[in-house]
N, C-alpha and C. Protein backbone atom coordinates (compact mmCIF):
# COMPACT_ATOMS: atom_id res chain seq x y z
N MET A 1 93.07 86.43 90.14
CA MET A 1 93.70 86.76 91.55
C MET A 1 93.12 87.94 92.14
N HIS A 2 92.77 87.88 93.55
CA HIS A 2 92.34 88.98 94.29
C HIS A 2 93.55 89.72 94.42
N PRO A 3 93.44 91.30 94.50
CA PRO A 3 94.46 92.19 94.73
C PRO A 3 95.24 91.81 95.97
N LEU A 4 94.49 91.48 96.95
CA LEU A 4 95.17 91.13 98.22
C LEU A 4 95.74 89.61 98.30
N ASP A 5 95.78 88.89 97.33
CA ASP A 5 96.39 87.65 97.36
C ASP A 5 97.95 87.92 96.80
N ASN A 6 98.99 87.32 97.57
CA ASN A 6 100.26 87.72 97.02
C ASN A 6 100.39 89.05 97.13
N VAL A 7 100.04 89.68 98.12
CA VAL A 7 100.07 91.21 98.15
C VAL A 7 101.29 92.05 97.94
N ILE A 8 102.58 91.47 98.25
CA ILE A 8 103.69 92.17 98.13
C ILE A 8 103.99 92.13 96.77
N TRP A 9 103.92 91.11 96.10
CA TRP A 9 104.19 90.85 94.59
C TRP A 9 103.18 91.93 93.82
N GLN A 10 102.05 91.78 94.25
CA GLN A 10 100.91 92.68 93.62
C GLN A 10 101.44 94.15 93.89
N ALA A 11 101.88 94.62 94.91
CA ALA A 11 102.06 95.92 95.20
C ALA A 11 103.37 96.36 94.36
N LEU A 12 104.29 95.55 94.36
CA LEU A 12 105.56 95.79 93.61
C LEU A 12 105.46 95.80 92.04
N THR A 13 104.36 95.18 91.58
CA THR A 13 104.18 94.99 90.21
C THR A 13 103.00 95.99 89.71
N THR A 14 102.44 96.82 90.54
CA THR A 14 101.23 97.55 90.12
C THR A 14 101.48 99.04 90.62
N ARG A 15 101.15 99.32 91.92
CA ARG A 15 101.11 100.73 92.35
C ARG A 15 102.48 101.20 92.96
N GLN A 16 103.42 100.35 93.14
CA GLN A 16 104.55 100.67 93.84
C GLN A 16 105.68 100.38 93.06
N THR A 17 105.69 100.47 91.92
CA THR A 17 106.83 99.93 90.89
C THR A 17 107.88 100.88 91.03
N GLU A 18 107.70 102.09 91.47
CA GLU A 18 108.73 103.16 91.57
C GLU A 18 109.77 102.69 92.84
N PHE A 19 109.29 101.90 93.83
CA PHE A 19 110.18 101.40 94.76
C PHE A 19 110.74 99.93 94.60
N ALA A 20 110.54 99.53 93.33
CA ALA A 20 110.83 98.08 93.01
C ALA A 20 112.18 97.76 92.52
N GLU A 21 112.85 96.81 92.76
CA GLU A 21 113.82 96.08 92.15
C GLU A 21 113.20 94.75 91.71
N SER A 22 113.25 94.53 90.47
CA SER A 22 112.50 93.40 90.02
C SER A 22 113.14 92.51 88.99
N SER A 23 112.87 91.14 89.08
CA SER A 23 113.31 90.22 88.06
C SER A 23 111.94 89.59 87.46
N GLU A 24 112.06 88.68 86.65
CA GLU A 24 110.90 87.86 85.96
C GLU A 24 110.09 87.36 86.97
N LYS A 25 110.66 86.68 88.08
CA LYS A 25 109.95 85.84 89.00
C LYS A 25 110.05 86.45 90.53
N ALA A 26 110.56 87.47 90.59
CA ALA A 26 110.71 88.06 91.99
C ALA A 26 110.87 89.52 92.06
N SER A 27 110.44 90.17 93.20
CA SER A 27 110.65 91.69 93.28
C SER A 27 110.71 92.03 94.79
N ARG A 28 111.63 93.15 94.95
CA ARG A 28 111.71 93.67 96.29
C ARG A 28 111.64 95.03 96.21
N PHE A 29 111.30 95.64 97.39
CA PHE A 29 111.58 96.84 97.78
C PHE A 29 112.81 97.25 97.79
N VAL A 30 113.38 98.52 97.39
CA VAL A 30 114.63 98.78 97.41
C VAL A 30 114.97 98.95 98.95
N PRO A 31 116.12 98.57 99.37
CA PRO A 31 116.75 98.13 100.80
C PRO A 31 116.24 99.30 101.81
N GLU A 32 116.46 100.63 101.37
CA GLU A 32 116.39 101.81 102.28
C GLU A 32 114.69 101.99 102.72
N VAL A 33 113.77 101.42 101.79
CA VAL A 33 112.40 101.55 101.94
C VAL A 33 111.83 100.45 102.77
N SER A 34 112.08 99.16 102.38
CA SER A 34 111.63 98.18 103.24
C SER A 34 112.33 96.82 102.77
N PRO A 35 112.40 95.84 103.78
CA PRO A 35 112.94 94.57 103.57
C PRO A 35 111.91 93.59 102.92
N LEU A 36 110.80 94.06 102.65
CA LEU A 36 109.68 93.16 102.06
C LEU A 36 110.10 92.85 100.51
N ALA A 37 109.69 91.43 100.08
CA ALA A 37 109.79 91.12 98.78
C ALA A 37 108.65 90.13 98.51
N GLY A 38 108.55 90.01 97.19
CA GLY A 38 107.46 89.14 96.80
C GLY A 38 107.94 88.13 95.48
N LEU A 39 107.38 87.01 95.56
CA LEU A 39 107.62 86.01 94.52
C LEU A 39 106.52 85.78 93.66
N ARG A 40 106.57 85.75 92.31
CA ARG A 40 105.49 85.47 91.45
C ARG A 40 104.84 84.17 91.91
N GLU A 41 105.67 83.11 92.05
CA GLU A 41 105.27 81.90 92.60
C GLU A 41 106.42 81.34 93.63
N PRO A 42 106.11 80.70 94.84
CA PRO A 42 107.16 80.21 95.60
C PRO A 42 107.85 78.89 95.18
N THR A 43 108.43 78.96 93.94
CA THR A 43 109.21 77.82 93.40
C THR A 43 110.53 78.04 93.54
N PRO A 44 111.41 76.87 93.37
CA PRO A 44 112.82 77.06 93.32
C PRO A 44 113.32 78.04 92.30
N GLU A 45 112.65 78.24 91.21
CA GLU A 45 112.95 79.34 90.33
C GLU A 45 112.78 80.80 90.82
N GLY A 46 111.75 80.83 91.64
CA GLY A 46 111.32 82.06 92.23
C GLY A 46 112.34 82.49 93.28
N TYR A 47 112.71 81.61 94.03
CA TYR A 47 113.92 81.87 95.04
C TYR A 47 115.22 82.14 94.52
N GLU A 48 115.50 81.45 93.41
CA GLU A 48 116.79 81.61 92.62
C GLU A 48 116.63 83.26 92.00
N SER A 49 115.55 83.48 91.55
CA SER A 49 115.23 84.95 90.98
C SER A 49 115.43 85.96 92.04
N LEU A 50 114.95 85.67 93.26
CA LEU A 50 114.97 86.47 94.36
C LEU A 50 116.48 86.64 94.76
N ALA A 51 117.13 85.66 94.97
CA ALA A 51 118.60 85.57 95.31
C ALA A 51 119.37 86.67 94.46
N GLU A 52 119.11 86.67 93.13
CA GLU A 52 119.67 87.57 92.20
C GLU A 52 119.64 89.09 92.60
N LEU A 53 118.44 89.50 93.28
CA LEU A 53 118.22 90.80 93.68
C LEU A 53 118.95 91.28 94.95
N LEU A 54 119.47 90.24 95.64
CA LEU A 54 120.17 90.63 96.92
C LEU A 54 121.56 90.98 96.52
N TYR A 55 122.23 91.74 97.51
CA TYR A 55 123.64 92.18 97.31
C TYR A 55 124.57 91.09 98.23
N SER A 56 125.02 90.14 97.72
CA SER A 56 125.79 89.00 98.17
C SER A 56 124.89 88.33 99.31
N GLU A 57 125.32 88.49 100.52
CA GLU A 57 124.50 88.06 101.58
C GLU A 57 123.46 89.23 101.99
N GLY A 58 122.33 88.84 102.22
CA GLY A 58 121.38 89.78 102.71
C GLY A 58 120.10 89.13 103.35
N THR A 59 119.32 90.04 103.71
CA THR A 59 118.10 89.61 104.49
C THR A 59 116.96 90.03 103.85
N ILE A 60 115.84 89.43 103.82
CA ILE A 60 114.51 89.65 103.08
C ILE A 60 113.39 89.13 104.04
N ALA A 61 112.22 89.80 103.59
CA ALA A 61 110.98 89.19 104.20
C ALA A 61 109.93 89.00 103.36
N LEU A 62 109.25 87.83 103.50
CA LEU A 62 108.13 87.42 102.59
C LEU A 62 106.89 87.08 103.35
N PHE A 63 105.83 87.15 102.71
CA PHE A 63 104.41 86.69 103.15
C PHE A 63 104.29 85.52 102.36
N LEU A 64 103.91 84.36 102.91
CA LEU A 64 103.90 83.11 102.17
C LEU A 64 102.43 82.45 102.55
N ASP A 65 101.89 81.79 101.60
CA ASP A 65 100.58 81.03 101.95
C ASP A 65 100.61 79.91 103.04
N THR A 66 101.74 79.37 103.11
CA THR A 66 102.13 78.33 104.13
C THR A 66 103.51 78.52 104.88
N PRO A 67 103.76 77.93 105.86
CA PRO A 67 104.87 78.29 106.79
C PRO A 67 106.05 77.85 105.66
N TYR A 68 107.12 78.62 105.92
CA TYR A 68 108.30 78.34 105.14
C TYR A 68 109.01 77.03 105.31
N GLN A 69 109.50 76.55 104.18
CA GLN A 69 110.15 75.16 103.96
C GLN A 69 111.46 75.50 103.90
N ASP A 70 112.40 74.73 104.57
CA ASP A 70 113.98 74.94 104.41
C ASP A 70 114.35 74.79 102.99
N ARG A 71 115.17 75.81 102.61
CA ARG A 71 115.65 75.65 101.19
C ARG A 71 117.25 75.96 101.25
N ARG A 72 118.01 75.31 100.48
CA ARG A 72 119.47 75.40 100.44
C ARG A 72 119.79 76.69 100.02
N GLY A 73 120.73 77.36 100.92
CA GLY A 73 121.32 78.68 100.56
C GLY A 73 120.37 79.88 101.33
N TRP A 74 119.32 79.45 102.04
CA TRP A 74 118.53 80.38 102.72
C TRP A 74 118.56 79.92 104.25
N ASN A 75 118.52 80.85 105.13
CA ASN A 75 118.28 80.57 106.51
C ASN A 75 117.19 81.47 107.16
N LEU A 76 116.31 80.69 107.85
CA LEU A 76 115.10 81.35 108.29
C LEU A 76 115.48 82.11 109.60
N ILE A 77 115.29 83.47 109.71
CA ILE A 77 115.84 84.28 110.79
C ILE A 77 114.57 84.50 111.75
N ALA A 78 113.32 84.61 111.32
CA ALA A 78 112.19 84.74 111.92
C ALA A 78 111.00 84.45 111.20
N GLY A 79 109.98 84.05 112.03
CA GLY A 79 108.78 83.83 111.18
C GLY A 79 107.47 83.75 112.17
N ALA A 80 106.40 84.17 111.69
CA ALA A 80 105.09 84.31 112.58
C ALA A 80 103.95 84.12 111.68
N PRO A 81 102.87 83.63 112.17
CA PRO A 81 101.70 83.71 111.36
C PRO A 81 101.20 85.01 111.42
N LEU A 82 100.56 85.42 110.35
CA LEU A 82 99.94 86.91 110.00
C LEU A 82 98.47 86.76 109.81
N LEU A 83 97.65 87.61 110.38
CA LEU A 83 96.32 87.72 109.80
C LEU A 83 96.15 89.00 108.88
N GLN A 84 95.69 88.82 107.78
CA GLN A 84 95.45 89.94 106.99
C GLN A 84 93.99 90.41 107.20
N MET A 85 93.53 91.59 107.63
CA MET A 85 92.26 92.16 107.82
C MET A 85 92.01 93.22 106.96
N VAL A 86 90.69 93.33 106.67
CA VAL A 86 90.08 94.31 105.75
C VAL A 86 88.93 94.94 106.20
N CYS A 87 88.79 96.33 106.06
CA CYS A 87 87.81 97.17 106.51
C CYS A 87 86.91 97.44 105.09
N GLU A 88 85.97 96.43 105.05
CA GLU A 88 85.15 96.71 103.85
C GLU A 88 83.97 97.66 104.11
N ASP A 89 83.48 97.86 105.39
CA ASP A 89 82.37 98.58 105.69
C ASP A 89 82.82 100.13 106.15
N GLY A 90 82.88 100.87 105.03
CA GLY A 90 83.31 102.26 105.26
C GLY A 90 82.20 103.09 106.21
N ALA A 91 81.13 102.53 106.45
CA ALA A 91 79.96 103.24 107.21
C ALA A 91 80.51 103.36 108.65
N SER A 92 81.38 102.30 108.93
CA SER A 92 81.75 102.03 110.33
C SER A 92 82.62 103.42 110.90
N LEU A 93 83.25 104.03 109.74
CA LEU A 93 84.13 105.27 110.20
C LEU A 93 83.30 106.46 110.78
N ALA A 94 82.05 106.42 110.19
CA ALA A 94 81.22 107.58 110.57
C ALA A 94 80.81 107.58 111.96
N GLU A 95 80.84 106.25 112.54
CA GLU A 95 80.51 106.23 113.92
C GLU A 95 81.69 106.35 114.93
N LEU A 96 82.78 106.55 114.41
CA LEU A 96 84.00 106.64 115.23
C LEU A 96 84.37 108.11 115.41
N SER A 97 84.52 108.47 116.66
CA SER A 97 84.80 109.96 116.95
C SER A 97 86.32 110.20 117.17
N SER A 98 86.81 111.18 116.60
CA SER A 98 88.24 111.49 116.82
C SER A 98 88.42 112.68 117.64
N ALA A 99 87.39 112.81 118.36
CA ALA A 99 87.37 114.05 119.50
C ALA A 99 88.52 113.82 120.41
N SER A 100 89.49 114.79 120.61
CA SER A 100 90.67 114.52 121.57
C SER A 100 91.31 115.75 121.65
N GLU A 101 91.95 115.84 122.69
CA GLU A 101 92.91 117.01 122.86
C GLU A 101 94.22 116.84 122.05
N ALA A 102 94.33 115.60 121.66
CA ALA A 102 95.63 115.30 120.73
C ALA A 102 95.56 116.06 119.31
N LYS A 103 96.60 116.63 119.02
CA LYS A 103 96.66 117.23 117.66
C LYS A 103 97.36 116.25 116.73
N VAL A 104 96.66 115.80 115.73
CA VAL A 104 97.20 114.87 114.70
C VAL A 104 98.08 115.66 113.63
N VAL A 105 99.34 115.45 113.49
CA VAL A 105 100.15 116.15 112.43
C VAL A 105 100.46 115.17 111.45
N GLU A 106 100.78 115.66 110.16
CA GLU A 106 101.28 114.97 109.01
C GLU A 106 102.70 114.95 109.03
N LEU A 107 103.25 113.80 109.04
CA LEU A 107 104.73 113.57 109.12
C LEU A 107 105.41 113.71 107.78
N ASN A 108 106.71 114.03 107.78
CA ASN A 108 107.43 114.20 106.68
C ASN A 108 108.94 113.75 106.72
N ALA A 109 109.64 114.12 106.01
CA ALA A 109 111.17 113.57 105.82
C ALA A 109 111.78 114.34 107.08
N GLY A 110 111.33 115.28 107.54
CA GLY A 110 111.93 115.86 108.64
C GLY A 110 111.69 115.24 110.03
N HIS A 111 110.68 114.38 110.01
CA HIS A 111 110.35 113.50 111.27
C HIS A 111 111.03 112.06 111.01
N SER A 112 111.82 111.99 110.17
CA SER A 112 112.36 110.59 109.75
C SER A 112 113.16 110.13 111.05
N ALA A 113 113.86 110.84 111.77
CA ALA A 113 114.82 110.41 112.86
C ALA A 113 113.97 109.93 113.99
N ALA A 114 112.79 110.74 114.24
CA ALA A 114 111.67 110.52 115.24
C ALA A 114 111.08 109.49 115.13
N MET A 115 110.67 109.13 113.78
CA MET A 115 109.86 108.03 113.37
C MET A 115 110.63 106.71 113.52
N SER A 116 111.84 106.84 113.22
CA SER A 116 112.80 105.51 113.34
C SER A 116 112.98 105.28 114.88
N GLU A 117 113.19 106.39 115.71
CA GLU A 117 113.35 106.13 117.06
C GLU A 117 112.13 105.40 117.67
N LEU A 118 110.81 105.93 117.45
CA LEU A 118 109.64 105.41 117.94
C LEU A 118 109.48 103.98 117.53
N THR A 119 109.69 103.61 116.09
CA THR A 119 109.43 102.25 115.76
C THR A 119 110.45 101.43 116.19
N THR A 120 111.65 101.72 116.48
CA THR A 120 112.75 101.05 116.98
C THR A 120 112.37 100.57 118.40
N LEU A 121 111.77 101.41 119.10
CA LEU A 121 111.40 101.34 120.54
C LEU A 121 110.21 100.38 120.59
N THR A 122 109.22 100.56 119.68
CA THR A 122 107.94 99.66 119.91
C THR A 122 107.76 98.53 118.87
N LYS A 123 108.64 98.44 117.98
CA LYS A 123 108.71 97.41 116.86
C LYS A 123 107.38 97.00 116.45
N PRO A 124 106.76 98.04 115.64
CA PRO A 124 105.42 97.51 114.91
C PRO A 124 105.74 96.74 113.71
N GLY A 125 106.88 96.67 113.35
CA GLY A 125 107.14 96.04 111.92
C GLY A 125 108.40 96.81 111.35
N PRO A 126 108.93 96.24 110.37
CA PRO A 126 110.15 96.96 109.72
C PRO A 126 109.88 98.35 109.34
N PHE A 127 110.80 99.24 109.69
CA PHE A 127 110.69 100.67 109.29
C PHE A 127 112.02 101.17 109.20
N ASP A 128 112.33 101.60 107.75
CA ASP A 128 113.59 101.97 107.49
C ASP A 128 113.47 103.49 107.15
N LYS A 129 114.80 104.03 106.86
CA LYS A 129 114.83 105.53 106.65
C LYS A 129 114.10 106.05 105.67
N ARG A 130 113.59 105.31 104.73
CA ARG A 130 112.83 105.70 103.42
C ARG A 130 111.39 105.20 103.62
N THR A 131 111.03 104.52 104.54
CA THR A 131 109.72 103.88 104.57
C THR A 131 108.52 104.95 104.48
N HIS A 132 108.87 106.15 105.16
CA HIS A 132 107.75 107.25 105.08
C HIS A 132 107.45 107.69 103.74
N GLU A 133 108.26 107.19 102.62
CA GLU A 133 107.90 107.69 101.33
C GLU A 133 106.73 106.77 100.70
N LEU A 134 106.43 105.83 101.31
CA LEU A 134 105.36 104.95 100.84
C LEU A 134 103.80 105.53 100.70
N GLY A 135 103.62 106.44 101.82
CA GLY A 135 102.32 106.98 101.77
C GLY A 135 102.21 108.05 102.87
N THR A 136 100.97 108.29 103.14
CA THR A 136 100.88 109.29 104.37
C THR A 136 101.19 108.61 105.73
N PHE A 137 101.83 109.62 106.51
CA PHE A 137 102.09 109.10 107.93
C PHE A 137 101.75 110.11 108.79
N LEU A 138 100.88 109.77 109.89
CA LEU A 138 100.39 110.84 110.76
C LEU A 138 100.94 110.53 112.14
N GLY A 139 101.07 111.65 113.04
CA GLY A 139 101.54 111.28 114.39
C GLY A 139 101.11 112.26 115.30
N ILE A 140 101.23 111.88 116.72
CA ILE A 140 100.76 112.77 117.83
C ILE A 140 102.06 113.00 118.60
N CYS A 141 102.17 114.34 118.93
CA CYS A 141 103.46 114.79 119.69
C CYS A 141 102.95 115.25 120.87
N ARG A 142 103.83 115.06 122.00
CA ARG A 142 103.68 115.58 123.19
C ARG A 142 105.17 116.15 123.73
N ASP A 143 104.98 117.49 124.17
CA ASP A 143 106.32 118.18 124.48
C ASP A 143 107.31 118.17 123.40
N GLY A 144 106.94 118.20 122.18
CA GLY A 144 107.94 118.30 121.11
C GLY A 144 108.36 116.96 120.69
N LYS A 145 107.87 115.87 121.35
CA LYS A 145 108.29 114.44 121.11
C LYS A 145 107.28 113.67 120.40
N LEU A 146 107.65 112.92 119.37
CA LEU A 146 106.57 112.12 118.66
C LEU A 146 106.34 110.88 119.63
N VAL A 147 105.15 110.68 119.83
CA VAL A 147 104.58 109.64 120.81
C VAL A 147 103.86 108.58 120.32
N ALA A 148 103.28 108.78 118.99
CA ALA A 148 102.43 107.82 118.47
C ALA A 148 102.33 108.18 116.92
N MET A 149 102.24 107.13 116.16
CA MET A 149 102.09 107.35 114.65
C MET A 149 101.25 105.96 114.08
N ALA A 150 100.92 106.47 112.92
CA ALA A 150 100.41 105.33 112.01
C ALA A 150 100.49 105.85 110.51
N GLY A 151 100.46 105.03 109.51
CA GLY A 151 100.63 105.33 108.16
C GLY A 151 100.23 104.44 107.21
N GLU A 152 100.73 104.40 106.04
CA GLU A 152 100.41 103.63 104.81
C GLU A 152 101.72 102.73 104.41
N ARG A 153 101.30 101.61 103.89
CA ARG A 153 102.68 100.88 103.49
C ARG A 153 102.31 100.17 101.94
N LEU A 154 101.72 98.96 101.97
CA LEU A 154 101.44 98.31 100.71
C LEU A 154 100.25 98.91 100.00
N LYS A 155 100.48 99.16 98.67
CA LYS A 155 99.24 99.63 97.96
C LYS A 155 99.09 98.91 96.73
N VAL A 156 97.93 98.32 96.38
CA VAL A 156 97.51 97.61 95.35
C VAL A 156 96.35 98.22 94.70
N PRO A 157 95.92 97.75 93.64
CA PRO A 157 94.60 98.40 93.05
C PRO A 157 93.53 98.29 93.88
N GLY A 158 92.93 99.34 94.28
CA GLY A 158 91.71 99.47 95.12
C GLY A 158 92.03 99.58 96.65
N TYR A 159 93.13 99.13 97.01
CA TYR A 159 93.35 98.89 98.51
C TYR A 159 94.77 99.66 98.85
N THR A 160 94.73 100.04 100.08
CA THR A 160 95.93 100.56 100.79
C THR A 160 96.10 100.09 102.28
N GLU A 161 97.30 99.62 102.61
CA GLU A 161 97.43 98.97 103.90
C GLU A 161 97.67 100.09 104.94
N VAL A 162 97.11 99.90 106.01
CA VAL A 162 97.30 100.76 107.30
C VAL A 162 98.51 100.19 108.02
N SER A 163 99.67 100.86 108.50
CA SER A 163 100.79 100.15 108.90
C SER A 163 101.58 101.05 109.85
N ALA A 164 102.58 100.43 110.57
CA ALA A 164 103.43 101.36 111.56
C ALA A 164 102.63 101.91 112.51
N VAL A 165 101.59 101.16 113.01
CA VAL A 165 100.77 101.73 114.17
C VAL A 165 101.45 101.42 115.43
N CYS A 166 101.86 102.50 116.13
CA CYS A 166 102.46 102.33 117.45
C CYS A 166 102.53 103.55 118.39
N THR A 167 102.61 103.36 119.64
CA THR A 167 102.52 104.42 120.75
C THR A 167 103.73 104.08 121.61
N HIS A 168 104.20 105.23 122.09
CA HIS A 168 105.30 105.10 123.09
C HIS A 168 104.65 104.62 124.33
N PRO A 169 105.44 103.62 124.97
CA PRO A 169 104.77 102.87 126.24
C PRO A 169 104.38 103.82 127.22
N GLU A 170 104.96 105.15 127.37
CA GLU A 170 104.67 105.93 128.40
C GLU A 170 103.24 106.65 128.22
N HIS A 171 102.85 106.53 126.93
CA HIS A 171 101.51 107.18 126.51
C HIS A 171 100.48 106.15 126.01
N ALA A 172 100.63 104.97 126.54
CA ALA A 172 99.61 103.94 126.15
C ALA A 172 98.49 104.12 126.82
N GLY A 173 97.43 103.59 126.18
CA GLY A 173 95.94 103.77 126.92
C GLY A 173 95.26 104.99 126.65
N LYS A 174 95.81 105.90 125.89
CA LYS A 174 95.02 107.26 125.74
C LYS A 174 94.35 107.39 124.45
N GLY A 175 94.33 106.19 123.63
CA GLY A 175 93.49 106.06 122.44
C GLY A 175 94.17 106.58 121.20
N TYR A 176 95.52 106.81 121.21
CA TYR A 176 96.15 107.49 120.27
C TYR A 176 96.14 106.68 119.01
N ALA A 177 96.30 105.36 119.08
CA ALA A 177 96.28 104.46 117.99
C ALA A 177 94.84 104.42 117.18
N ARG A 178 93.80 104.48 118.04
CA ARG A 178 92.48 104.44 117.30
C ARG A 178 92.42 105.85 116.67
N ILE A 179 92.75 106.92 117.18
CA ILE A 179 92.61 108.34 116.71
C ILE A 179 93.40 108.37 115.36
N LEU A 180 94.79 107.82 115.26
CA LEU A 180 95.49 107.91 114.09
C LEU A 180 95.09 107.11 113.06
N MET A 181 94.68 105.64 113.40
CA MET A 181 94.26 104.91 112.45
C MET A 181 92.95 105.39 111.72
N THR A 182 92.03 105.87 112.65
CA THR A 182 90.75 106.48 111.99
C THR A 182 90.94 107.55 110.98
N GLU A 183 92.00 108.47 111.30
CA GLU A 183 92.11 109.39 110.12
C GLU A 183 92.93 108.74 109.08
N VAL A 184 93.93 107.97 109.36
CA VAL A 184 94.53 107.46 108.05
C VAL A 184 93.44 106.50 107.16
N MET A 185 92.54 105.77 107.95
CA MET A 185 91.47 105.13 107.11
C MET A 185 90.49 106.09 106.44
N ARG A 186 90.29 107.32 107.02
CA ARG A 186 89.36 108.27 106.40
C ARG A 186 90.00 108.69 105.10
N ARG A 187 91.23 109.04 105.13
CA ARG A 187 91.97 109.56 103.86
C ARG A 187 92.12 108.48 102.80
N ILE A 188 92.20 107.05 103.22
CA ILE A 188 92.19 106.12 102.29
C ILE A 188 90.69 106.03 101.71
N ARG A 189 89.77 105.95 102.41
CA ARG A 189 88.32 105.80 101.91
C ARG A 189 88.19 107.02 100.88
N ASP A 190 88.48 108.34 101.42
CA ASP A 190 88.30 109.43 100.59
C ASP A 190 88.89 109.28 99.11
N ARG A 191 89.94 108.41 98.89
CA ARG A 191 90.54 108.25 97.59
C ARG A 191 89.71 107.03 96.99
N GLY A 192 88.58 106.56 97.53
CA GLY A 192 87.81 105.54 96.96
C GLY A 192 88.56 104.18 97.04
N GLU A 193 89.36 103.97 98.04
CA GLU A 193 90.17 102.65 98.33
C GLU A 193 89.62 102.20 99.62
N THR A 194 89.98 100.85 99.89
CA THR A 194 89.59 100.17 100.91
C THR A 194 90.81 99.86 101.84
N PRO A 195 90.82 100.28 103.08
CA PRO A 195 91.87 100.02 104.20
C PRO A 195 92.00 98.44 104.38
N PHE A 196 93.27 98.02 104.58
CA PHE A 196 93.56 96.58 105.06
C PHE A 196 94.71 96.82 105.77
N LEU A 197 95.20 95.55 106.58
CA LEU A 197 96.38 95.66 107.36
C LEU A 197 96.79 94.21 107.76
N HIS A 198 97.93 94.14 108.14
CA HIS A 198 98.56 92.73 108.90
C HIS A 198 98.70 92.81 110.26
N VAL A 199 98.54 91.93 110.88
CA VAL A 199 98.96 91.76 112.38
C VAL A 199 99.20 90.29 112.75
N ARG A 200 100.17 90.17 113.60
CA ARG A 200 100.48 88.83 114.11
C ARG A 200 99.22 88.14 114.70
N LYS A 201 99.07 86.96 114.43
CA LYS A 201 97.94 86.13 114.88
C LYS A 201 97.84 86.20 116.34
N ASP A 202 99.07 86.24 117.27
CA ASP A 202 98.82 86.21 118.63
C ASP A 202 98.72 87.46 119.24
N ASN A 203 98.70 88.68 118.44
CA ASN A 203 98.53 89.86 118.99
C ASN A 203 96.97 90.12 119.32
N GLU A 204 96.52 89.64 120.38
CA GLU A 204 94.99 89.72 120.35
C GLU A 204 94.62 91.01 120.76
N ARG A 205 95.41 91.77 121.65
CA ARG A 205 94.91 93.20 121.89
C ARG A 205 94.83 94.13 120.73
N ALA A 206 95.82 93.98 119.74
CA ALA A 206 95.66 94.69 118.56
C ALA A 206 94.47 94.27 117.65
N ILE A 207 94.38 92.94 117.55
CA ILE A 207 93.13 92.36 116.75
C ILE A 207 91.86 92.93 117.21
N GLU A 208 91.71 92.97 118.68
CA GLU A 208 90.44 93.48 119.14
C GLU A 208 90.17 95.09 118.83
N LEU A 209 91.33 95.67 118.89
CA LEU A 209 91.09 97.13 118.37
C LEU A 209 90.68 97.16 116.86
N TYR A 210 91.35 96.41 115.99
CA TYR A 210 91.11 96.46 114.69
C TYR A 210 89.58 96.17 114.38
N GLN A 211 89.21 95.18 115.02
CA GLN A 211 87.80 94.71 114.90
C GLN A 211 86.92 95.78 115.32
N ARG A 212 87.22 96.54 116.39
CA ARG A 212 86.21 97.68 116.75
C ARG A 212 86.29 98.84 115.71
N LEU A 213 87.41 98.91 114.99
CA LEU A 213 87.36 99.87 113.93
C LEU A 213 86.84 99.37 112.59
N GLY A 214 86.39 98.21 112.66
CA GLY A 214 85.56 97.68 111.47
C GLY A 214 86.32 96.76 110.60
N PHE A 215 87.64 96.24 111.04
CA PHE A 215 88.31 95.32 110.22
C PHE A 215 87.76 93.90 110.49
N SER A 216 87.83 93.04 109.60
CA SER A 216 87.48 91.59 109.64
C SER A 216 88.59 90.88 109.05
N ARG A 217 88.75 89.67 109.52
CA ARG A 217 89.75 88.79 109.15
C ARG A 217 89.65 88.15 107.62
N ARG A 218 90.60 88.38 106.90
CA ARG A 218 90.35 87.76 105.48
C ARG A 218 91.27 86.51 105.28
N LEU A 219 92.42 86.34 105.64
CA LEU A 219 93.24 85.23 105.39
C LEU A 219 94.42 85.24 106.34
N LEU A 220 95.07 83.99 106.40
CA LEU A 220 96.08 83.89 107.19
C LEU A 220 97.40 83.60 106.26
N SER A 221 98.32 84.24 106.62
CA SER A 221 99.48 84.07 105.80
C SER A 221 100.88 83.85 106.89
N HIS A 222 101.88 83.72 106.30
CA HIS A 222 103.19 83.33 107.10
C HIS A 222 104.17 84.37 106.81
N LEU A 223 104.77 85.02 107.75
CA LEU A 223 105.94 85.76 107.62
C LEU A 223 107.11 85.00 107.66
N ALA A 224 108.16 85.26 106.83
CA ALA A 224 109.24 84.56 106.89
C ALA A 224 110.56 85.60 106.49
N VAL A 225 111.29 85.79 107.64
CA VAL A 225 112.39 86.62 107.42
C VAL A 225 113.63 85.72 107.04
N LEU A 226 114.29 85.89 105.80
CA LEU A 226 115.24 85.14 105.54
C LEU A 226 116.62 85.70 105.32
N ARG A 227 117.66 85.05 105.54
CA ARG A 227 119.08 85.45 105.04
C ARG A 227 119.58 84.58 103.96
N ARG A 228 120.02 85.17 103.11
CA ARG A 228 120.60 84.62 101.97
C ARG A 228 122.10 84.39 102.34
N ASP A 229 122.58 83.16 102.26
CA ASP A 229 124.02 82.76 102.50
C ASP A 229 124.60 82.57 101.31
N LEU A 230 125.78 82.83 101.19
CA LEU A 230 126.48 82.50 99.90
C LEU A 230 126.93 80.93 100.10
N LEU A 231 126.66 80.06 98.98
CA LEU A 231 126.82 78.63 98.96
C LEU A 231 128.33 78.59 98.88
N LYS A 232 128.85 77.61 99.75
CA LYS A 232 130.30 77.26 99.69
C LYS A 232 130.48 76.09 98.95
């Protein structure tokens, strides 16, 4: 299996085990880090194993190879086709200029509230109060306020995901996403790893940006946000 196939399961059973709550057939990030979870295989036994990791009723998010099919005891809250994109050509980074008046800062736990505020506004994907622990997060501030950010999320052997790319609407169009992504990608490359990311299939504007940064489409997966209901 390629490291980017069944990527959440791969991350939780290889490089990110310290954030995992696991059983034989399922694994999830601890809730304060991320709602993402993975199945060894999407079988009835896999979903039963996943249910055991939830606290009574709960919500979880999966990346599936095919659209989610209804299952007893689970309700589909949201879903969307996702493109997985990979930047295999490290040479493309050398052609990208980060010249800008914007100063890139490395974010830490002290920025947690600002990061949550920005991601709540812009909705780049799930971001919880401990998500910043998953890797490096970089930001751009204006007048003491965080207005753009990007960072790392899933990590599997040889690959690190670029994630949480977002810009405050009042500062859109200034190239902040490109600047931050380029620097996150450089740091990933400097570790000898390959950057990848996930994006909604219908987000054409973001896909165009990612292609300009050297990303190409690898596969189509399907996000399924599920709520576990207690069976009556």
